[in-house]
Amino acid sequence: MSSAQSKLTNEETQPLAVLPFAPAPGTAAHSLWFAVQTRPWASIAVLPAGPGESAKDVANALYDVGALASGGPMRMLDAREVTLTSSANVIVNMSSLVSAPGERRVGGPQRVVVLLASVIDVMAGIPIAMAADAVVLTVTLGKTRLDDARRTLQLVGAQRVLGTILVPA
């Protein structure tokens, strides 16, 4: 290296920007999106493991990142206030939004994120969670009781659950 190349001015050695120590916003959402790709799904139910909790932030993150990363259209259904009478309509709506295997859909295949309330609070959400291809549970740190999480797993079927997301209180 020549002496001209080894001598940099103070201006040339200054960083262009100061990078934050914490991961950039959305990094967790991107990680979440790729974590739920462990098995194929067209519809995914997102629900809190405990009563009185919310899975809205996780469902929104899945939807937002999925809309960018999936290469196809995404839809979100808010079924937190579903009743036993309306649960069948939600399932029909969810099913009509996704393509059946081998079916061609205008605009490409569509994925659906369904936001549910705790199935301990709103048991009408159970058939929707069971009709979805997969389920993601949220556990609120310091709030979700272990018994409630176990009960939720029993109600929706542990084999349907892709994973559990820990969320801050």
N, C-alpha and C. Protein backbone atom coordinates (compact mmCIF):
# COMPACT_ATOMS: atom_id res chain seq x y z
N MET A 1 0.85 -1.17 0.00
CA MET A 1 0.00 0.00 0.00
C MET A 1 0.89 1.23 0.00
N SER A 2 0.60 2.16 -0.84
CA SER A 2 1.41 3.37 -0.92
C SER A 2 1.06 4.29 0.24
N SER A 3 1.97 5.23 0.51
CA SER A 3 1.73 6.15 1.62
C SER A 3 0.54 7.05 1.34
N ALA A 4 0.26 7.31 0.07
CA ALA A 4 -0.90 8.13 -0.28
C ALA A 4 -2.19 7.38 0.05
N GLN A 5 -2.20 6.06 -0.14
CA GLN A 5 -3.39 5.28 0.13
C GLN A 5 -3.58 5.05 1.62
N SER A 6 -2.52 5.00 2.39
CA SER A 6 -2.64 4.72 3.81
C SER A 6 -3.01 5.94 4.63
N LYS A 7 -2.89 7.12 4.07
CA LYS A 7 -3.22 8.33 4.80
C LYS A 7 -4.63 8.78 4.43
N LEU A 8 -5.53 8.59 5.35
CA LEU A 8 -6.91 9.02 5.14
C LEU A 8 -7.17 10.25 5.97
N THR A 9 -7.93 11.14 5.43
CA THR A 9 -8.27 12.35 6.20
C THR A 9 -9.30 11.99 7.26
N ASN A 10 -9.41 12.86 8.23
CA ASN A 10 -10.36 12.67 9.30
C ASN A 10 -11.78 12.57 8.74
N GLU A 11 -12.08 13.34 7.72
CA GLU A 11 -13.39 13.34 7.10
C GLU A 11 -13.70 11.98 6.46
N GLU A 12 -12.70 11.35 5.86
CA GLU A 12 -12.91 10.07 5.20
C GLU A 12 -13.12 8.91 6.18
N THR A 13 -12.73 9.07 7.41
CA THR A 13 -12.86 7.98 8.38
C THR A 13 -14.10 8.11 9.26
N GLN A 14 -14.87 9.16 9.08
CA GLN A 14 -16.07 9.34 9.89
C GLN A 14 -17.18 8.44 9.35
N PRO A 15 -17.95 7.86 10.27
CA PRO A 15 -19.06 7.00 9.81
C PRO A 15 -20.11 7.85 9.09
N LEU A 16 -20.78 7.21 8.14
CA LEU A 16 -21.84 7.90 7.42
C LEU A 16 -23.06 8.11 8.31
N ALA A 17 -23.29 7.15 9.21
CA ALA A 17 -24.41 7.26 10.13
C ALA A 17 -24.07 6.47 11.39
N VAL A 18 -24.67 6.84 12.47
CA VAL A 18 -24.49 6.10 13.71
C VAL A 18 -25.58 5.03 13.75
N LEU A 19 -25.18 3.77 13.83
CA LEU A 19 -26.14 2.68 13.84
C LEU A 19 -26.58 2.39 15.26
N PRO A 20 -27.85 2.16 15.47
CA PRO A 20 -28.32 1.85 16.83
C PRO A 20 -27.83 0.47 17.25
N PHE A 21 -27.68 0.29 18.55
CA PHE A 21 -27.23 -1.00 19.07
C PHE A 21 -28.33 -2.04 18.95
N ALA A 22 -29.58 -1.63 19.20
CA ALA A 22 -30.71 -2.56 19.14
C ALA A 22 -31.03 -2.89 17.69
N PRO A 23 -31.61 -4.07 17.43
CA PRO A 23 -32.01 -4.41 16.07
C PRO A 23 -33.02 -3.40 15.54
N ALA A 24 -33.01 -3.22 14.27
CA ALA A 24 -33.92 -2.27 13.64
C ALA A 24 -35.36 -2.72 13.84
N PRO A 25 -36.30 -1.76 13.92
CA PRO A 25 -37.71 -2.14 14.05
C PRO A 25 -38.08 -3.02 12.87
N GLY A 26 -38.87 -4.02 13.11
CA GLY A 26 -39.29 -4.91 12.05
C GLY A 26 -38.44 -6.15 11.94
N THR A 27 -37.24 -6.14 12.53
CA THR A 27 -36.38 -7.31 12.46
C THR A 27 -37.06 -8.50 13.12
N ALA A 28 -37.70 -8.27 14.25
CA ALA A 28 -38.41 -9.35 14.93
C ALA A 28 -39.56 -9.85 14.07
N ALA A 29 -40.25 -8.94 13.40
CA ALA A 29 -41.36 -9.34 12.53
C ALA A 29 -40.85 -10.18 11.36
N HIS A 30 -39.70 -9.80 10.81
CA HIS A 30 -39.14 -10.59 9.71
C HIS A 30 -38.77 -11.99 10.22
N SER A 31 -38.17 -12.06 11.38
CA SER A 31 -37.81 -13.36 11.96
C SER A 31 -39.06 -14.19 12.20
N LEU A 32 -40.11 -13.56 12.69
CA LEU A 32 -41.36 -14.25 12.93
C LEU A 32 -41.92 -14.82 11.63
N TRP A 33 -41.91 -14.02 10.57
CA TRP A 33 -42.43 -14.48 9.28
C TRP A 33 -41.69 -15.74 8.81
N PHE A 34 -40.38 -15.70 8.87
CA PHE A 34 -39.62 -16.85 8.38
C PHE A 34 -39.74 -18.04 9.33
N ALA A 35 -40.00 -17.80 10.60
CA ALA A 35 -40.19 -18.90 11.54
C ALA A 35 -41.48 -19.66 11.27
N VAL A 36 -42.52 -18.98 10.80
CA VAL A 36 -43.79 -19.66 10.54
C VAL A 36 -43.81 -20.34 9.17
N GLN A 37 -42.71 -20.29 8.47
CA GLN A 37 -42.63 -20.96 7.17
C GLN A 37 -42.14 -22.40 7.30
N THR A 38 -42.13 -22.94 8.51
CA THR A 38 -41.62 -24.30 8.72
C THR A 38 -42.49 -25.36 8.09
N ARG A 39 -43.75 -25.04 7.84
CA ARG A 39 -44.61 -25.95 7.07
C ARG A 39 -45.56 -25.10 6.24
N PRO A 40 -46.03 -25.66 5.14
CA PRO A 40 -46.88 -24.87 4.24
C PRO A 40 -48.22 -24.50 4.89
N TRP A 41 -48.67 -23.31 4.62
CA TRP A 41 -49.98 -22.87 5.09
C TRP A 41 -50.51 -21.79 4.17
N ALA A 42 -51.81 -21.73 4.07
CA ALA A 42 -52.47 -20.65 3.34
C ALA A 42 -53.27 -19.79 4.32
N SER A 43 -53.69 -20.40 5.43
CA SER A 43 -54.40 -19.66 6.47
C SER A 43 -53.75 -19.96 7.82
N ILE A 44 -53.57 -18.92 8.60
CA ILE A 44 -52.94 -19.08 9.91
C ILE A 44 -53.74 -18.29 10.94
N ALA A 45 -54.08 -18.94 12.03
CA ALA A 45 -54.80 -18.28 13.13
C ALA A 45 -53.78 -17.83 14.16
N VAL A 46 -53.94 -16.61 14.64
CA VAL A 46 -53.05 -16.06 15.66
C VAL A 46 -53.92 -15.74 16.87
N LEU A 47 -53.57 -16.36 18.01
CA LEU A 47 -54.40 -16.16 19.19
C LEU A 47 -53.56 -16.15 20.45
N PRO A 48 -54.02 -15.38 21.44
CA PRO A 48 -53.31 -15.35 22.72
C PRO A 48 -53.58 -16.63 23.50
N ALA A 49 -52.59 -17.06 24.27
CA ALA A 49 -52.73 -18.27 25.06
C ALA A 49 -53.55 -18.05 26.33
N GLY A 50 -53.67 -16.81 26.77
CA GLY A 50 -54.38 -16.53 28.01
C GLY A 50 -55.57 -15.62 27.82
N PRO A 51 -56.57 -15.74 28.68
CA PRO A 51 -57.74 -14.87 28.61
C PRO A 51 -57.38 -13.42 28.88
N GLY A 52 -58.10 -12.52 28.20
CA GLY A 52 -57.90 -11.10 28.41
C GLY A 52 -56.64 -10.54 27.75
N GLU A 53 -55.96 -11.35 26.96
CA GLU A 53 -54.72 -10.92 26.29
C GLU A 53 -55.01 -10.65 24.82
N SER A 54 -54.06 -10.03 24.15
CA SER A 54 -54.23 -9.70 22.74
C SER A 54 -53.08 -10.24 21.91
N ALA A 55 -53.41 -10.69 20.71
CA ALA A 55 -52.41 -11.16 19.75
C ALA A 55 -52.35 -10.22 18.55
N LYS A 56 -52.95 -9.05 18.69
CA LYS A 56 -53.09 -8.12 17.57
C LYS A 56 -51.74 -7.69 16.99
N ASP A 57 -50.77 -7.37 17.83
CA ASP A 57 -49.47 -6.91 17.32
C ASP A 57 -48.76 -8.00 16.52
N VAL A 58 -48.86 -9.24 16.98
CA VAL A 58 -48.23 -10.36 16.27
C VAL A 58 -48.93 -10.60 14.94
N ALA A 59 -50.26 -10.58 14.95
CA ALA A 59 -51.02 -10.77 13.70
C ALA A 59 -50.70 -9.66 12.70
N ASN A 60 -50.63 -8.42 13.18
CA ASN A 60 -50.29 -7.30 12.30
C ASN A 60 -48.89 -7.46 11.72
N ALA A 61 -47.95 -7.90 12.55
CA ALA A 61 -46.57 -8.09 12.08
C ALA A 61 -46.52 -9.18 11.02
N LEU A 62 -47.21 -10.29 11.24
CA LEU A 62 -47.25 -11.36 10.24
C LEU A 62 -47.84 -10.85 8.93
N TYR A 63 -48.93 -10.12 9.04
CA TYR A 63 -49.57 -9.57 7.84
C TYR A 63 -48.65 -8.60 7.11
N ASP A 64 -48.07 -7.66 7.83
CA ASP A 64 -47.22 -6.63 7.20
C ASP A 64 -46.02 -7.24 6.49
N VAL A 65 -45.31 -8.12 7.16
CA VAL A 65 -44.13 -8.72 6.56
C VAL A 65 -44.54 -9.70 5.46
N GLY A 66 -45.62 -10.44 5.72
CA GLY A 66 -46.10 -11.38 4.71
C GLY A 66 -46.50 -10.71 3.43
N ALA A 67 -47.08 -9.53 3.52
CA ALA A 67 -47.48 -8.80 2.32
C ALA A 67 -46.26 -8.44 1.48
N LEU A 68 -45.13 -8.22 2.12
CA LEU A 68 -43.89 -7.90 1.40
C LEU A 68 -43.15 -9.15 0.94
N ALA A 69 -43.12 -10.18 1.78
CA ALA A 69 -42.24 -11.33 1.54
C ALA A 69 -42.89 -12.49 0.81
N SER A 70 -44.20 -12.59 0.83
CA SER A 70 -44.84 -13.80 0.31
C SER A 70 -44.90 -13.85 -1.20
N GLY A 71 -44.83 -12.71 -1.85
CA GLY A 71 -44.92 -12.70 -3.31
C GLY A 71 -46.35 -12.83 -3.80
N GLY A 72 -47.29 -12.83 -2.90
CA GLY A 72 -48.69 -12.93 -3.27
C GLY A 72 -49.54 -12.08 -2.35
N PRO A 73 -50.82 -11.96 -2.67
CA PRO A 73 -51.68 -11.13 -1.84
C PRO A 73 -51.89 -11.73 -0.45
N MET A 74 -52.05 -10.87 0.53
CA MET A 74 -52.32 -11.27 1.91
C MET A 74 -53.65 -10.63 2.32
N ARG A 75 -54.35 -11.31 3.20
CA ARG A 75 -55.57 -10.76 3.78
C ARG A 75 -55.51 -10.96 5.29
N MET A 76 -56.22 -10.13 6.01
CA MET A 76 -56.30 -10.28 7.45
C MET A 76 -57.78 -10.25 7.83
N LEU A 77 -58.18 -11.22 8.62
CA LEU A 77 -59.53 -11.26 9.14
C LEU A 77 -59.47 -11.06 10.64
N ASP A 78 -60.26 -10.13 11.15
CA ASP A 78 -60.34 -9.89 12.58
C ASP A 78 -61.56 -10.64 13.10
N ALA A 79 -61.32 -11.75 13.78
CA ALA A 79 -62.41 -12.59 14.28
C ALA A 79 -62.41 -12.62 15.80
N ARG A 80 -61.95 -11.54 16.41
CA ARG A 80 -61.89 -11.51 17.88
C ARG A 80 -63.26 -11.50 18.53
N GLU A 81 -64.25 -11.00 17.84
CA GLU A 81 -65.60 -10.92 18.42
C GLU A 81 -66.54 -11.93 17.78
N VAL A 82 -66.00 -13.04 17.32
CA VAL A 82 -66.80 -14.06 16.66
C VAL A 82 -67.76 -14.70 17.66
N THR A 83 -68.92 -15.08 17.15
CA THR A 83 -69.90 -15.82 17.96
C THR A 83 -70.03 -17.21 17.36
N LEU A 84 -70.69 -18.08 18.06
CA LEU A 84 -70.88 -19.43 17.53
C LEU A 84 -71.63 -19.38 16.20
N THR A 85 -72.59 -18.47 16.09
CA THR A 85 -73.35 -18.34 14.85
C THR A 85 -72.51 -17.80 13.71
N SER A 86 -71.63 -16.85 14.00
CA SER A 86 -70.84 -16.25 12.93
C SER A 86 -69.55 -17.00 12.62
N SER A 87 -69.16 -17.97 13.45
CA SER A 87 -67.89 -18.67 13.20
C SER A 87 -67.91 -19.43 11.87
N ALA A 88 -69.05 -19.98 11.50
CA ALA A 88 -69.14 -20.69 10.21
C ALA A 88 -68.90 -19.72 9.05
N ASN A 89 -69.43 -18.50 9.16
CA ASN A 89 -69.20 -17.51 8.11
C ASN A 89 -67.73 -17.13 8.00
N VAL A 90 -67.05 -17.02 9.14
CA VAL A 90 -65.63 -16.68 9.14
C VAL A 90 -64.84 -17.80 8.46
N ILE A 91 -65.19 -19.05 8.76
CA ILE A 91 -64.49 -20.19 8.15
C ILE A 91 -64.71 -20.21 6.64
N VAL A 92 -65.95 -19.97 6.21
CA VAL A 92 -66.24 -19.93 4.77
C VAL A 92 -65.48 -18.79 4.11
N ASN A 93 -65.46 -17.64 4.74
CA ASN A 93 -64.73 -16.48 4.22
C ASN A 93 -63.23 -16.78 4.13
N MET A 94 -62.68 -17.36 5.20
CA MET A 94 -61.26 -17.71 5.23
C MET A 94 -60.95 -18.71 4.11
N SER A 95 -61.78 -19.70 3.96
CA SER A 95 -61.55 -20.73 2.94
C SER A 95 -61.68 -20.18 1.53
N SER A 96 -62.60 -19.25 1.32
CA SER A 96 -62.80 -18.72 -0.03
C SER A 96 -61.67 -17.79 -0.45
N LEU A 97 -60.93 -17.27 0.53
CA LEU A 97 -59.83 -16.35 0.21
C LEU A 97 -58.56 -17.07 -0.24
N VAL A 98 -58.44 -18.33 0.12
CA VAL A 98 -57.23 -19.08 -0.25
C VAL A 98 -57.57 -20.07 -1.35
N SER A 99 -56.57 -20.40 -2.12
CA SER A 99 -56.77 -21.33 -3.22
C SER A 99 -56.69 -22.76 -2.73
N ALA A 100 -57.54 -23.58 -3.27
CA ALA A 100 -57.42 -25.02 -3.02
C ALA A 100 -56.25 -25.53 -3.85
N PRO A 101 -55.61 -26.64 -3.44
CA PRO A 101 -54.49 -27.19 -4.21
C PRO A 101 -54.90 -27.43 -5.67
N GLY A 102 -54.08 -26.96 -6.57
CA GLY A 102 -54.33 -27.15 -8.00
C GLY A 102 -55.26 -26.11 -8.60
N GLU A 103 -55.86 -25.28 -7.78
CA GLU A 103 -56.78 -24.27 -8.27
C GLU A 103 -55.99 -23.03 -8.69
N ARG A 104 -56.38 -22.42 -9.77
CA ARG A 104 -55.72 -21.17 -10.20
C ARG A 104 -56.58 -20.00 -9.75
N ARG A 105 -55.97 -19.03 -9.20
CA ARG A 105 -56.68 -17.87 -8.68
C ARG A 105 -56.14 -16.62 -9.35
N VAL A 106 -57.03 -15.74 -9.76
CA VAL A 106 -56.60 -14.49 -10.37
C VAL A 106 -55.79 -13.71 -9.35
N GLY A 107 -54.61 -13.26 -9.72
CA GLY A 107 -53.75 -12.52 -8.80
C GLY A 107 -52.83 -13.42 -7.99
N GLY A 108 -52.85 -14.71 -8.23
CA GLY A 108 -51.95 -15.62 -7.53
C GLY A 108 -52.55 -16.13 -6.23
N PRO A 109 -51.84 -17.02 -5.58
CA PRO A 109 -52.36 -17.58 -4.32
C PRO A 109 -52.42 -16.51 -3.24
N GLN A 110 -53.36 -16.66 -2.37
CA GLN A 110 -53.55 -15.67 -1.31
C GLN A 110 -53.38 -16.36 0.04
N ARG A 111 -52.81 -15.66 0.98
CA ARG A 111 -52.67 -16.16 2.34
C ARG A 111 -53.53 -15.30 3.25
N VAL A 112 -54.01 -15.92 4.32
CA VAL A 112 -54.90 -15.24 5.25
C VAL A 112 -54.37 -15.38 6.67
N VAL A 113 -54.28 -14.26 7.38
CA VAL A 113 -53.96 -14.23 8.80
C VAL A 113 -55.26 -13.94 9.52
N VAL A 114 -55.66 -14.82 10.43
CA VAL A 114 -56.91 -14.64 11.17
C VAL A 114 -56.57 -14.32 12.62
N LEU A 115 -56.99 -13.16 13.07
CA LEU A 115 -56.76 -12.73 14.45
C LEU A 115 -57.94 -13.18 15.31
N LEU A 116 -57.63 -13.94 16.35
CA LEU A 116 -58.65 -14.45 17.26
C LEU A 116 -58.41 -13.93 18.68
N ALA A 117 -59.46 -13.91 19.47
CA ALA A 117 -59.34 -13.66 20.90
C ALA A 117 -58.95 -14.99 21.54
N SER A 118 -58.62 -14.96 22.80
CA SER A 118 -58.31 -16.19 23.52
C SER A 118 -59.49 -17.14 23.40
N VAL A 119 -59.21 -18.39 23.07
CA VAL A 119 -60.30 -19.38 22.96
C VAL A 119 -60.83 -19.76 24.34
N ILE A 120 -60.16 -19.36 25.39
CA ILE A 120 -60.68 -19.54 26.74
C ILE A 120 -61.80 -18.52 26.98
N ASP A 121 -61.60 -17.29 26.47
CA ASP A 121 -62.62 -16.24 26.57
C ASP A 121 -63.74 -16.44 25.56
N VAL A 122 -63.37 -16.71 24.30
CA VAL A 122 -64.32 -16.80 23.20
C VAL A 122 -64.17 -18.18 22.55
N MET A 123 -64.91 -19.13 23.08
CA MET A 123 -64.77 -20.51 22.61
C MET A 123 -65.23 -20.69 21.17
N ALA A 124 -65.98 -19.73 20.63
CA ALA A 124 -66.41 -19.80 19.23
C ALA A 124 -65.22 -19.69 18.28
N GLY A 125 -64.07 -19.28 18.79
CA GLY A 125 -62.86 -19.21 17.95
C GLY A 125 -62.22 -20.57 17.72
N ILE A 126 -62.59 -21.57 18.51
CA ILE A 126 -61.97 -22.90 18.38
C ILE A 126 -62.17 -23.49 16.99
N PRO A 127 -63.41 -23.51 16.44
CA PRO A 127 -63.55 -24.09 15.11
C PRO A 127 -62.76 -23.33 14.03
N ILE A 128 -62.59 -22.03 14.22
CA ILE A 128 -61.81 -21.24 13.25
C ILE A 128 -60.34 -21.64 13.34
N ALA A 129 -59.83 -21.74 14.56
CA ALA A 129 -58.43 -22.15 14.74
C ALA A 129 -58.21 -23.55 14.17
N MET A 130 -59.19 -24.42 14.33
CA MET A 130 -59.05 -25.78 13.81
C MET A 130 -59.20 -25.84 12.29
N ALA A 131 -59.92 -24.89 11.71
CA ALA A 131 -60.08 -24.85 10.25
C ALA A 131 -58.88 -24.22 9.56
N ALA A 132 -58.11 -23.43 10.30
CA ALA A 132 -56.91 -22.81 9.72
C ALA A 132 -55.85 -23.88 9.51
N ASP A 133 -54.95 -23.63 8.56
CA ASP A 133 -53.88 -24.58 8.28
C ASP A 133 -52.89 -24.68 9.44
N ALA A 134 -52.74 -23.60 10.19
CA ALA A 134 -51.77 -23.56 11.29
C ALA A 134 -52.22 -22.52 12.31
N VAL A 135 -51.62 -22.61 13.49
CA VAL A 135 -51.93 -21.71 14.60
C VAL A 135 -50.63 -21.19 15.19
N VAL A 136 -50.63 -19.91 15.55
CA VAL A 136 -49.53 -19.31 16.30
C VAL A 136 -50.12 -18.78 17.60
N LEU A 137 -49.53 -19.17 18.72
CA LEU A 137 -49.97 -18.69 20.03
C LEU A 137 -49.06 -17.56 20.49
N THR A 138 -49.64 -16.61 21.20
CA THR A 138 -48.83 -15.58 21.83
C THR A 138 -48.92 -15.78 23.33
N VAL A 139 -47.79 -15.62 24.00
CA VAL A 139 -47.71 -15.70 25.45
C VAL A 139 -47.20 -14.36 25.93
N THR A 140 -47.98 -13.70 26.78
CA THR A 140 -47.59 -12.41 27.32
C THR A 140 -46.75 -12.62 28.56
N LEU A 141 -45.51 -12.13 28.51
CA LEU A 141 -44.58 -12.32 29.62
C LEU A 141 -45.14 -11.70 30.90
N GLY A 142 -45.11 -12.47 31.97
CA GLY A 142 -45.57 -11.99 33.26
C GLY A 142 -47.08 -11.98 33.41
N LYS A 143 -47.82 -12.40 32.38
CA LYS A 143 -49.27 -12.36 32.46
C LYS A 143 -49.90 -13.72 32.16
N THR A 144 -49.45 -14.39 31.11
CA THR A 144 -50.04 -15.67 30.73
C THR A 144 -49.72 -16.73 31.78
N ARG A 145 -50.75 -17.38 32.27
CA ARG A 145 -50.56 -18.47 33.23
C ARG A 145 -50.29 -19.76 32.48
N LEU A 146 -49.44 -20.60 33.01
CA LEU A 146 -49.09 -21.87 32.39
C LEU A 146 -50.32 -22.74 32.18
N ASP A 147 -51.23 -22.75 33.15
CA ASP A 147 -52.46 -23.54 33.02
C ASP A 147 -53.31 -23.06 31.84
N ASP A 148 -53.35 -21.75 31.63
CA ASP A 148 -54.11 -21.20 30.50
C ASP A 148 -53.48 -21.60 29.17
N ALA A 149 -52.16 -21.55 29.11
CA ALA A 149 -51.46 -21.94 27.87
C ALA A 149 -51.71 -23.41 27.57
N ARG A 150 -51.65 -24.25 28.59
CA ARG A 150 -51.92 -25.69 28.40
C ARG A 150 -53.36 -25.92 27.95
N ARG A 151 -54.28 -25.21 28.56
CA ARG A 151 -55.70 -25.34 28.19
C ARG A 151 -55.92 -24.92 26.74
N THR A 152 -55.30 -23.83 26.34
CA THR A 152 -55.42 -23.37 24.96
C THR A 152 -54.88 -24.42 23.99
N LEU A 153 -53.75 -25.01 24.33
CA LEU A 153 -53.18 -26.07 23.48
C LEU A 153 -54.14 -27.26 23.38
N GLN A 154 -54.79 -27.61 24.47
CA GLN A 154 -55.76 -28.71 24.45
C GLN A 154 -56.95 -28.36 23.56
N LEU A 155 -57.42 -27.12 23.66
CA LEU A 155 -58.61 -26.72 22.92
C LEU A 155 -58.39 -26.66 21.40
N VAL A 156 -57.24 -26.18 20.98
CA VAL A 156 -57.00 -26.04 19.53
C VAL A 156 -56.21 -27.21 18.94
N GLY A 157 -55.60 -28.02 19.80
CA GLY A 157 -54.80 -29.14 19.33
C GLY A 157 -53.35 -28.74 19.18
N ALA A 158 -52.51 -29.28 20.03
CA ALA A 158 -51.09 -28.91 20.02
C ALA A 158 -50.42 -29.18 18.68
N GLN A 159 -50.88 -30.19 17.95
CA GLN A 159 -50.27 -30.52 16.66
C GLN A 159 -50.53 -29.45 15.61
N ARG A 160 -51.50 -28.59 15.81
CA ARG A 160 -51.82 -27.52 14.87
C ARG A 160 -50.94 -26.28 15.07
N VAL A 161 -50.29 -26.21 16.22
CA VAL A 161 -49.54 -25.02 16.61
C VAL A 161 -48.13 -25.05 16.02
N LEU A 162 -47.82 -24.03 15.20
CA LEU A 162 -46.49 -23.89 14.63
C LEU A 162 -45.49 -23.47 15.69
N GLY A 163 -45.94 -22.63 16.62
CA GLY A 163 -45.04 -22.14 17.65
C GLY A 163 -45.72 -21.13 18.54
N THR A 164 -44.96 -20.70 19.52
CA THR A 164 -45.43 -19.72 20.48
C THR A 164 -44.52 -18.51 20.44
N ILE A 165 -45.11 -17.35 20.43
CA ILE A 165 -44.37 -16.09 20.39
C ILE A 165 -44.49 -15.43 21.76
N LEU A 166 -43.34 -15.08 22.35
CA LEU A 166 -43.35 -14.35 23.61
C LEU A 166 -43.46 -12.86 23.32
N VAL A 167 -44.42 -12.22 23.97
CA VAL A 167 -44.61 -10.78 23.77
C VAL A 167 -44.49 -10.07 25.11
N PRO A 168 -43.94 -8.86 25.11
CA PRO A 168 -43.81 -8.13 26.38
C PRO A 168 -45.18 -7.72 26.91
N ALA A 169 -45.25 -7.55 28.21
CA ALA A 169 -46.53 -7.15 28.85
C ALA A 169 -46.86 -5.71 28.54
